[in-house]
Amino acid sequence: EGLKRRGRVAWRLVCRVCHEGGEEGPGGSDRSGGRMEWATGLVEPGREAAHLWGLVRLRMQRNRWPRQVTRLEVQAEGLVVPERPQETLFDADAEAACQRVKRGLARLVERLVNRLGRHAVAWPVLCDDAVPEAVVQLRPVAGPEVDETSGRADLSRPEANGGRVGPASRPLRLIDGPRAIEVMTVAPQGPPVRFAWEGRTCHVSRYWGPERIETGWWTERQVARDYYRVEIDTGEWYWVFQRRGEEDWFVHGVFE
């Protein structure tokens, strides 16, 4: 009600339980000096009491409560003015449905984070990296950090800096660790003609490439590969590569 009167929404709630004694608490809570404290973060700022109470209860279930509680405190942090949805002349129903889906997803993430922990829930983020297996990284999903001095929230989100090569030339699914294969080529360092994969012989009908991926001497990981996008006689597409200056071949991805 206080947030509503002030016309604000909060990014985070800090709950404090004061009790007698200074018992050692479980991970994720501070019970030193007779106080247990934890923060309930939000993916989107809010002030709806029923929703916030549900998130607080999820965190409460992860803590071992003291026998005698002397005081309860709840503090809202990262107060901001709520954003007003932009009015549209057309497709109002579609816009409203999209907002409901986004709100539902945000609340699901909030419940998972508060139930399982901040580092247990992650989302994929595109990164600007030449090495294919490093283009996507998993980062924890959580609300923004709050500036303790100003009380304002950092609303920044990880942005996608990669994506320079589309799904037509690279597969959407990479194999977890490139798998070595036996390949027959017409000429050394040339395109593959036939390779063995999962107990069968695959004959290459068409190929595209090579796409050369090579990192500089200043990078931590040295990579020099020639990638080929190949189509086999059964219609499947694979992403294979050969390390430059070597004879070994690998399958790195499968096109869906």
C-alpha atoms as a PDB file:
ATOM      1  CA  GLU A   1       0.000   0.000   0.000  1.00  0.00           C
ATOM      2  CA  GLY A   2       2.895   2.352   0.696  1.00  0.00           C
ATOM      3  CA  LEU A   3       4.357   1.735  -2.760  1.00  0.00           C
ATOM      4  CA  LYS A   4       0.956   2.306  -4.327  1.00  0.00           C
ATOM      5  CA  ARG A   5       0.478   5.637  -2.544  1.00  0.00           C
ATOM      6  CA  ARG A   6       3.921   6.792  -3.712  1.00  0.00           C
ATOM      7  CA  GLY A   7       3.312   5.584  -7.275  1.00  0.00           C
ATOM      8  CA  ARG A   8       6.342   3.302  -7.221  1.00  0.00           C
ATOM      9  CA  VAL A   9       7.235  -0.345  -7.848  1.00  0.00           C
ATOM     10  CA  ALA A  10      10.177  -2.245  -6.343  1.00  0.00           C
ATOM     11  CA  TRP A  11      12.901  -4.420  -7.844  1.00  0.00           C
ATOM     12  CA  ARG A  12      13.745  -6.246  -4.643  1.00  0.00           C
ATOM     13  CA  LEU A  13      12.436  -7.004  -1.153  1.00  0.00           C
ATOM     14  CA  VAL A  14      14.813  -7.475   1.763  1.00  0.00           C
ATOM     15  CA  CYS A  15      13.352  -9.484   4.655  1.00  0.00           C
ATOM     16  CA  ARG A  16      14.866  -9.487   8.140  1.00  0.00           C
ATOM     17  CA  VAL A  17      13.913 -11.779  10.997  1.00  0.00           C
ATOM     18  CA  CYS A  18      15.308 -10.706  14.349  1.00  0.00           C
ATOM     19  CA  HIS A  19      15.515 -13.345  17.061  1.00  0.00           C
ATOM     20  CA  GLU A  20      17.175 -14.105  20.345  1.00  0.00           C
ATOM     21  CA  GLY A  21      20.701 -15.533  20.145  1.00  0.00           C
ATOM     22  CA  GLY A  22      23.178 -15.672  17.292  1.00  0.00           C
ATOM     23  CA  GLU A  23      22.791 -19.119  15.756  1.00  0.00           C
ATOM     24  CA  GLU A  24      24.592 -20.114  12.595  1.00  0.00           C
ATOM     25  CA  GLY A  25      22.112 -20.147   9.700  1.00  0.00           C
ATOM     26  CA  PRO A  26      21.972 -22.089   6.415  1.00  0.00           C
ATOM     27  CA  GLY A  27      23.527 -20.959   3.155  1.00  0.00           C
ATOM     28  CA  GLY A  28      21.998 -17.878   1.621  1.00  0.00           C
ATOM     29  CA  SER A  29      20.928 -16.245   4.906  1.00  0.00           C
ATOM     30  CA  ASP A  30      22.677 -14.170   7.541  1.00  0.00           C
ATOM     31  CA  ARG A  31      21.855 -15.139  11.097  1.00  0.00           C
ATOM     32  CA  SER A  32      24.825 -13.571  12.828  1.00  0.00           C
ATOM     33  CA  GLY A  33      24.022 -11.310  15.778  1.00  0.00           C
ATOM     34  CA  GLY A  34      20.474 -12.619  16.174  1.00  0.00           C
ATOM     35  CA  ARG A  35      19.264 -11.650  12.699  1.00  0.00           C
ATOM     36  CA  MET A  36      18.338 -13.682   9.608  1.00  0.00           C
ATOM     37  CA  GLU A  37      18.214 -11.731   6.349  1.00  0.00           C
ATOM     38  CA  TRP A  38      17.572 -12.552   2.702  1.00  0.00           C
ATOM     39  CA  ALA A  39      16.644 -10.684  -0.485  1.00  0.00           C
ATOM     40  CA  THR A  40      13.831 -11.591  -2.872  1.00  0.00           C
ATOM     41  CA  GLY A  41      14.697 -10.343  -6.349  1.00  0.00           C
ATOM     42  CA  LEU A  42      12.277  -9.670  -9.197  1.00  0.00           C
ATOM     43  CA  VAL A  43      12.678  -9.992 -12.946  1.00  0.00           C
ATOM     44  CA  GLU A  44      10.199  -7.152 -13.439  1.00  0.00           C
ATOM     45  CA  PRO A  45       9.456  -4.506 -10.768  1.00  0.00           C
ATOM     46  CA  GLY A  46       6.146  -4.934  -8.990  1.00  0.00           C
ATOM     47  CA  ARG A  47       4.047  -4.163  -5.941  1.00  0.00           C
ATOM     48  CA  GLU A  48       1.235  -6.741  -6.062  1.00  0.00           C
ATOM     49  CA  ALA A  49       1.022  -8.042  -2.517  1.00  0.00           C
ATOM     50  CA  ALA A  50      -0.164 -11.575  -3.342  1.00  0.00           C
ATOM     51  CA  HIS A  51       2.635 -12.139  -5.863  1.00  0.00           C
ATOM     52  CA  LEU A  52       5.343 -10.694  -3.622  1.00  0.00           C
ATOM     53  CA  TRP A  53       4.142 -12.722  -0.649  1.00  0.00           C
ATOM     54  CA  GLY A  54       4.281 -15.890  -2.741  1.00  0.00           C
ATOM     55  CA  LEU A  55       7.931 -15.205  -3.631  1.00  0.00           C
ATOM     56  CA  VAL A  56       8.805 -14.448  -0.017  1.00  0.00           C
ATOM     57  CA  ARG A  57       7.226 -17.730   1.090  1.00  0.00           C
ATOM     58  CA  LEU A  58       9.382 -19.645  -1.408  1.00  0.00           C
ATOM     59  CA  ARG A  59      12.514 -18.143   0.131  1.00  0.00           C
ATOM     60  CA  MET A  60      11.198 -18.714   3.656  1.00  0.00           C
ATOM     61  CA  GLN A  61      10.915 -22.433   2.962  1.00  0.00           C
ATOM     62  CA  ARG A  62      14.657 -22.592   2.225  1.00  0.00           C
ATOM     63  CA  ASN A  63      15.599 -21.231   5.675  1.00  0.00           C
ATOM     64  CA  ARG A  64      15.644 -22.912   9.074  1.00  0.00           C
ATOM     65  CA  TRP A  65      13.716 -20.612  11.338  1.00  0.00           C
ATOM     66  CA  PRO A  66      14.781 -19.703  14.903  1.00  0.00           C
ATOM     67  CA  ARG A  67      12.657 -20.738  17.856  1.00  0.00           C
ATOM     68  CA  GLN A  68      11.875 -17.234  19.132  1.00  0.00           C
ATOM     69  CA  VAL A  69      11.308 -14.331  16.744  1.00  0.00           C
ATOM     70  CA  THR A  70      11.349 -10.817  18.196  1.00  0.00           C
ATOM     71  CA  ARG A  71      10.805  -8.629  15.110  1.00  0.00           C
ATOM     72  CA  LEU A  72      10.038  -8.860  11.382  1.00  0.00           C
ATOM     73  CA  GLU A  73      11.166  -6.248   8.862  1.00  0.00           C
ATOM     74  CA  VAL A  74      10.496  -5.883   5.123  1.00  0.00           C
ATOM     75  CA  GLN A  75      12.318  -3.255   3.059  1.00  0.00           C
ATOM     76  CA  ALA A  76      11.667  -2.444  -0.615  1.00  0.00           C
ATOM     77  CA  GLU A  77      14.733  -1.534  -2.668  1.00  0.00           C
ATOM     78  CA  GLY A  78      15.220  -0.194  -6.159  1.00  0.00           C
ATOM     79  CA  LEU A  79      12.045   1.908  -6.286  1.00  0.00           C
ATOM     80  CA  VAL A  80      11.149   3.106  -9.783  1.00  0.00           C
ATOM     81  CA  VAL A  81       8.152   4.623 -11.529  1.00  0.00           C
ATOM     82  CA  PRO A  82       6.188   1.868 -13.330  1.00  0.00           C
ATOM     83  CA  GLU A  83       6.293   1.949 -17.105  1.00  0.00           C
ATOM     84  CA  ARG A  84       3.010   2.637 -18.848  1.00  0.00           C
ATOM     85  CA  PRO A  85       2.180   0.368 -21.817  1.00  0.00           C
ATOM     86  CA  GLN A  86       2.209   2.172 -25.146  1.00  0.00           C
ATOM     87  CA  GLU A  87      -1.204   2.587 -26.681  1.00  0.00           C
ATOM     88  CA  THR A  88      -1.638   1.166 -30.199  1.00  0.00           C
ATOM     89  CA  LEU A  89      -4.272   1.874 -32.810  1.00  0.00           C
ATOM     90  CA  PHE A  90      -4.250  -1.629 -34.261  1.00  0.00           C
ATOM     91  CA  ASP A  91      -3.705  -5.186 -33.012  1.00  0.00           C
ATOM     92  CA  ALA A  92      -4.568  -4.169 -29.461  1.00  0.00           C
ATOM     93  CA  ASP A  93      -5.612  -7.726 -28.586  1.00  0.00           C
ATOM     94  CA  ALA A  94      -2.356  -9.194 -29.942  1.00  0.00           C
ATOM     95  CA  GLU A  95      -0.306  -6.628 -28.022  1.00  0.00           C
ATOM     96  CA  ALA A  96      -2.190  -7.386 -24.814  1.00  0.00           C
ATOM     97  CA  ALA A  97      -1.701 -11.130 -25.315  1.00  0.00           C
ATOM     98  CA  CYS A  98       2.028 -10.612 -25.863  1.00  0.00           C
ATOM     99  CA  GLN A  99       2.275  -8.592 -22.649  1.00  0.00           C
ATOM    100  CA  ARG A 100       0.457 -11.334 -20.712  1.00  0.00           C
ATOM    101  CA  VAL A 101       2.865 -13.967 -22.016  1.00  0.00           C
ATOM    102  CA  LYS A 102       5.897 -11.839 -21.093  1.00  0.00           C
ATOM    103  CA  ARG A 103       4.474 -11.142 -17.634  1.00  0.00           C
ATOM    104  CA  GLY A 104       3.740 -14.828 -17.081  1.00  0.00           C
ATOM    105  CA  LEU A 105       7.268 -15.806 -18.129  1.00  0.00           C
ATOM    106  CA  ALA A 106       8.780 -13.176 -15.828  1.00  0.00           C
ATOM    107  CA  ARG A 107       6.775 -14.470 -12.871  1.00  0.00           C
ATOM    108  CA  LEU A 108       7.766 -18.062 -13.636  1.00  0.00           C
ATOM    109  CA  VAL A 109      11.434 -17.044 -13.643  1.00  0.00           C
ATOM    110  CA  GLU A 110      10.968 -15.167 -10.367  1.00  0.00           C
ATOM    111  CA  ARG A 111       9.476 -18.232  -8.694  1.00  0.00           C
ATOM    112  CA  LEU A 112      12.239 -20.506  -9.981  1.00  0.00           C
ATOM    113  CA  VAL A 113      14.985 -18.105  -8.869  1.00  0.00           C
ATOM    114  CA  ASN A 114      13.546 -17.683  -5.386  1.00  0.00           C
ATOM    115  CA  ARG A 115      12.934 -21.409  -5.025  1.00  0.00           C
ATOM    116  CA  LEU A 116      16.164 -22.799  -6.525  1.00  0.00           C
ATOM    117  CA  GLY A 117      18.599 -19.923  -6.116  1.00  0.00           C
ATOM    118  CA  ARG A 118      19.965 -17.188  -8.359  1.00  0.00           C
ATOM    119  CA  HIS A 119      22.653 -19.291 -10.058  1.00  0.00           C
ATOM    120  CA  ALA A 120      20.381 -22.293 -10.684  1.00  0.00           C
ATOM    121  CA  VAL A 121      18.353 -20.519 -13.407  1.00  0.00           C
ATOM    122  CA  ALA A 122      20.160 -19.225 -16.494  1.00  0.00           C
ATOM    123  CA  TRP A 123      19.423 -17.991 -19.983  1.00  0.00           C
ATOM    124  CA  PRO A 124      21.516 -18.179 -23.180  1.00  0.00           C
ATOM    125  CA  VAL A 125      23.221 -14.961 -24.262  1.00  0.00           C
ATOM    126  CA  LEU A 126      24.938 -14.408 -27.625  1.00  0.00           C
ATOM    127  CA  CYS A 127      28.536 -13.200 -27.371  1.00  0.00           C
ATOM    128  CA  ASP A 128      30.877 -11.720 -29.955  1.00  0.00           C
ATOM    129  CA  ASP A 129      33.377 -14.572 -30.206  1.00  0.00           C
ATOM    130  CA  ALA A 130      35.034 -16.219 -33.203  1.00  0.00           C
ATOM    131  CA  VAL A 131      35.024 -19.712 -31.656  1.00  0.00           C
ATOM    132  CA  PRO A 132      31.585 -21.309 -32.320  1.00  0.00           C
ATOM    133  CA  GLU A 133      31.291 -23.099 -28.972  1.00  0.00           C
ATOM    134  CA  ALA A 134      31.883 -19.790 -27.155  1.00  0.00           C
ATOM    135  CA  VAL A 135      29.273 -17.761 -29.060  1.00  0.00           C
ATOM    136  CA  VAL A 136      26.512 -18.698 -26.586  1.00  0.00           C
ATOM    137  CA  GLN A 137      27.013 -18.452 -22.831  1.00  0.00           C
ATOM    138  CA  LEU A 138      24.642 -19.216 -19.980  1.00  0.00           C
ATOM    139  CA  ARG A 139      24.259 -16.375 -17.491  1.00  0.00           C
ATOM    140  CA  PRO A 140      22.204 -16.297 -14.294  1.00  0.00           C
ATOM    141  CA  VAL A 141      18.696 -14.895 -14.643  1.00  0.00           C
ATOM    142  CA  ALA A 142      18.010 -12.388 -11.895  1.00  0.00           C
ATOM    143  CA  GLY A 143      16.712  -8.893 -11.290  1.00  0.00           C
ATOM    144  CA  PRO A 144      19.034  -5.912 -11.657  1.00  0.00           C
ATOM    145  CA  GLU A 145      21.527  -4.949  -9.007  1.00  0.00           C
ATOM    146  CA  VAL A 146      20.494  -2.072  -6.793  1.00  0.00           C
ATOM    147  CA  ASP A 147      22.790   0.886  -6.131  1.00  0.00           C
ATOM    148  CA  GLU A 148      23.031   1.051  -2.360  1.00  0.00           C
ATOM    149  CA  THR A 149      23.761   4.810  -2.468  1.00  0.00           C
ATOM    150  CA  SER A 150      21.022   6.077  -4.735  1.00  0.00           C
ATOM    151  CA  GLY A 151      18.572   3.222  -4.289  1.00  0.00           C
ATOM    152  CA  ARG A 152      18.095   3.082  -8.043  1.00  0.00           C
ATOM    153  CA  ALA A 153      18.192  -0.144  -9.972  1.00  0.00           C
ATOM    154  CA  ASP A 154      20.555  -0.962 -12.806  1.00  0.00           C
ATOM    155  CA  LEU A 155      18.148  -1.881 -15.580  1.00  0.00           C
ATOM    156  CA  SER A 156      20.799  -3.184 -17.969  1.00  0.00           C
ATOM    157  CA  ARG A 157      20.400  -6.603 -19.551  1.00  0.00           C
ATOM    158  CA  PRO A 158      22.913  -8.709 -21.469  1.00  0.00           C
ATOM    159  CA  GLU A 159      22.683  -7.831 -25.121  1.00  0.00           C
ATOM    160  CA  ALA A 160      23.284 -10.071 -28.105  1.00  0.00           C
ATOM    161  CA  ASN A 161      26.490  -8.872 -29.787  1.00  0.00           C
ATOM    162  CA  GLY A 162      26.963 -11.878 -32.030  1.00  0.00           C
ATOM    163  CA  GLY A 163      24.672 -13.353 -34.618  1.00  0.00           C
ATOM    164  CA  ARG A 164      26.705 -12.247 -37.605  1.00  0.00           C
ATOM    165  CA  VAL A 165      26.228 -15.648 -39.266  1.00  0.00           C
ATOM    166  CA  GLY A 166      22.639 -16.824 -39.655  1.00  0.00           C
ATOM    167  CA  PRO A 167      21.176 -20.288 -39.214  1.00  0.00           C
ATOM    168  CA  ALA A 168      21.383 -20.983 -42.957  1.00  0.00           C
ATOM    169  CA  SER A 169      25.173 -21.270 -42.807  1.00  0.00           C
ATOM    170  CA  ARG A 170      25.584 -22.513 -39.225  1.00  0.00           C
ATOM    171  CA  PRO A 171      23.540 -25.056 -37.287  1.00  0.00           C
ATOM    172  CA  LEU A 172      21.371 -23.981 -34.371  1.00  0.00           C
ATOM    173  CA  ARG A 173      22.484 -27.032 -32.371  1.00  0.00           C
ATOM    174  CA  LEU A 174      26.143 -27.734 -31.697  1.00  0.00           C
ATOM    175  CA  ILE A 175      27.468 -31.039 -30.436  1.00  0.00           C
ATOM    176  CA  ASP A 176      28.790 -30.793 -26.885  1.00  0.00           C
ATOM    177  CA  GLY A 177      32.439 -31.198 -27.761  1.00  0.00           C
ATOM    178  CA  PRO A 178      33.314 -31.840 -31.455  1.00  0.00           C
ATOM    179  CA  ARG A 179      33.444 -35.577 -32.242  1.00  0.00           C
ATOM    180  CA  ALA A 180      36.278 -37.054 -34.265  1.00  0.00           C
ATOM    181  CA  ILE A 181      35.298 -38.810 -37.520  1.00  0.00           C
ATOM    182  CA  GLU A 182      37.062 -40.692 -40.306  1.00  0.00           C
ATOM    183  CA  VAL A 183      36.870 -38.746 -43.569  1.00  0.00           C
ATOM    184  CA  MET A 184      37.858 -39.492 -47.154  1.00  0.00           C
ATOM    185  CA  THR A 185      38.903 -36.551 -49.324  1.00  0.00           C
ATOM    186  CA  VAL A 186      39.937 -36.261 -52.957  1.00  0.00           C
ATOM    187  CA  ALA A 187      42.879 -34.003 -52.165  1.00  0.00           C
ATOM    188  CA  PRO A 188      44.773 -33.208 -48.946  1.00  0.00           C
ATOM    189  CA  GLN A 189      43.125 -30.313 -47.050  1.00  0.00           C
ATOM    190  CA  GLY A 190      40.217 -30.615 -49.500  1.00  0.00           C
ATOM    191  CA  PRO A 191      36.462 -31.028 -48.938  1.00  0.00           C
ATOM    192  CA  PRO A 192      35.087 -34.305 -47.556  1.00  0.00           C
ATOM    193  CA  VAL A 193      33.710 -36.933 -49.936  1.00  0.00           C
ATOM    194  CA  ARG A 194      32.693 -39.604 -47.449  1.00  0.00           C
ATOM    195  CA  PHE A 195      32.774 -39.926 -43.660  1.00  0.00           C
ATOM    196  CA  ALA A 196      31.745 -42.408 -40.994  1.00  0.00           C
ATOM    197  CA  TRP A 197      29.182 -41.252 -38.439  1.00  0.00           C
ATOM    198  CA  GLU A 198      27.351 -43.231 -35.755  1.00  0.00           C
ATOM    199  CA  GLY A 199      28.146 -46.610 -37.255  1.00  0.00           C
ATOM    200  CA  ARG A 200      27.251 -45.813 -40.874  1.00  0.00           C
ATOM    201  CA  THR A 201      28.972 -44.440 -43.937  1.00  0.00           C
ATOM    202  CA  CYS A 202      27.754 -41.033 -45.106  1.00  0.00           C
ATOM    203  CA  HIS A 203      28.312 -40.043 -48.745  1.00  0.00           C
ATOM    204  CA  VAL A 204      28.534 -36.289 -49.331  1.00  0.00           C
ATOM    205  CA  SER A 205      26.202 -35.082 -52.105  1.00  0.00           C
ATOM    206  CA  ARG A 206      26.932 -31.356 -51.827  1.00  0.00           C
ATOM    207  CA  TYR A 207      29.144 -29.145 -49.734  1.00  0.00           C
ATOM    208  CA  TRP A 208      29.667 -25.443 -49.002  1.00  0.00           C
ATOM    209  CA  GLY A 209      32.918 -23.978 -47.786  1.00  0.00           C
ATOM    210  CA  PRO A 210      35.425 -23.809 -46.461  1.00  0.00           C
ATOM    211  CA  GLU A 211      34.575 -21.201 -43.829  1.00  0.00           C
ATOM    212  CA  ARG A 212      37.846 -20.426 -42.105  1.00  0.00           C
ATOM    213  CA  ILE A 213      37.736 -19.637 -38.380  1.00  0.00           C
ATOM    214  CA  GLU A 214      41.031 -18.565 -36.900  1.00  0.00           C
ATOM    215  CA  THR A 215      41.827 -16.688 -33.710  1.00  0.00           C
ATOM    216  CA  GLY A 216      44.698 -14.267 -33.256  1.00  0.00           C
ATOM    217  CA  TRP A 217      47.865 -14.814 -31.274  1.00  0.00           C
ATOM    218  CA  TRP A 218      46.593 -12.454 -28.562  1.00  0.00           C
ATOM    219  CA  THR A 219      43.623 -14.681 -27.649  1.00  0.00           C
ATOM    220  CA  GLU A 220      43.740 -17.213 -24.839  1.00  0.00           C
ATOM    221  CA  ARG A 221      42.516 -20.062 -27.050  1.00  0.00           C
ATOM    222  CA  GLN A 222      44.264 -20.772 -30.341  1.00  0.00           C
ATOM    223  CA  VAL A 223      41.840 -22.050 -33.005  1.00  0.00           C
ATOM    224  CA  ALA A 224      42.490 -22.601 -36.732  1.00  0.00           C
ATOM    225  CA  ARG A 225      39.729 -24.550 -38.474  1.00  0.00           C
ATOM    226  CA  ASP A 226      38.192 -24.959 -41.933  1.00  0.00           C
ATOM    227  CA  TYR A 227      34.444 -25.625 -41.665  1.00  0.00           C
ATOM    228  CA  TYR A 228      32.260 -27.273 -44.304  1.00  0.00           C
ATOM    229  CA  ARG A 229      28.481 -27.476 -44.456  1.00  0.00           C
ATOM    230  CA  VAL A 230      27.784 -30.825 -46.091  1.00  0.00           C
ATOM    231  CA  GLU A 231      24.648 -32.581 -47.313  1.00  0.00           C
ATOM    232  CA  ILE A 232      24.743 -36.373 -47.407  1.00  0.00           C
ATOM    233  CA  ASP A 233      22.877 -38.728 -49.739  1.00  0.00           C
ATOM    234  CA  THR A 234      20.031 -39.234 -47.215  1.00  0.00           C
ATOM    235  CA  GLY A 235      19.291 -35.494 -47.075  1.00  0.00           C
ATOM    236  CA  GLU A 236      20.841 -34.726 -43.681  1.00  0.00           C
ATOM    237  CA  TRP A 237      23.116 -31.732 -43.171  1.00  0.00           C
ATOM    238  CA  TYR A 238      26.201 -31.666 -40.970  1.00  0.00           C
ATOM    239  CA  TRP A 239      28.748 -29.074 -39.960  1.00  0.00           C
ATOM    240  CA  VAL A 240      32.241 -30.579 -40.076  1.00  0.00           C
ATOM    241  CA  PHE A 241      35.697 -29.078 -39.808  1.00  0.00           C
ATOM    242  CA  GLN A 242      39.352 -29.919 -40.191  1.00  0.00           C
ATOM    243  CA  ARG A 243      42.103 -28.314 -38.174  1.00  0.00           C
ATOM    244  CA  ARG A 244      44.473 -26.457 -40.447  1.00  0.00           C
ATOM    245  CA  GLY A 245      47.738 -28.285 -40.968  1.00  0.00           C
ATOM    246  CA  GLU A 246      46.331 -31.535 -39.507  1.00  0.00           C
ATOM    247  CA  GLU A 247      44.550 -34.594 -40.895  1.00  0.00           C
ATOM    248  CA  ASP A 248      41.904 -34.986 -38.176  1.00  0.00           C
ATOM    249  CA  TRP A 249      38.230 -34.185 -38.947  1.00  0.00           C
ATOM    250  CA  PHE A 250      35.368 -33.474 -36.552  1.00  0.00           C
ATOM    251  CA  VAL A 251      31.593 -33.155 -36.586  1.00  0.00           C
ATOM    252  CA  HIS A 252      30.599 -30.015 -34.704  1.00  0.00           C
ATOM    253  CA  GLY A 253      26.912 -29.534 -35.489  1.00  0.00           C
ATOM    254  CA  VAL A 254      23.770 -31.022 -37.000  1.00  0.00           C
ATOM    255  CA  PHE A 255      21.274 -28.952 -38.975  1.00  0.00           C
ATOM    256  CA  GLU A 256      17.670 -29.470 -37.879  1.00  0.00           C
END
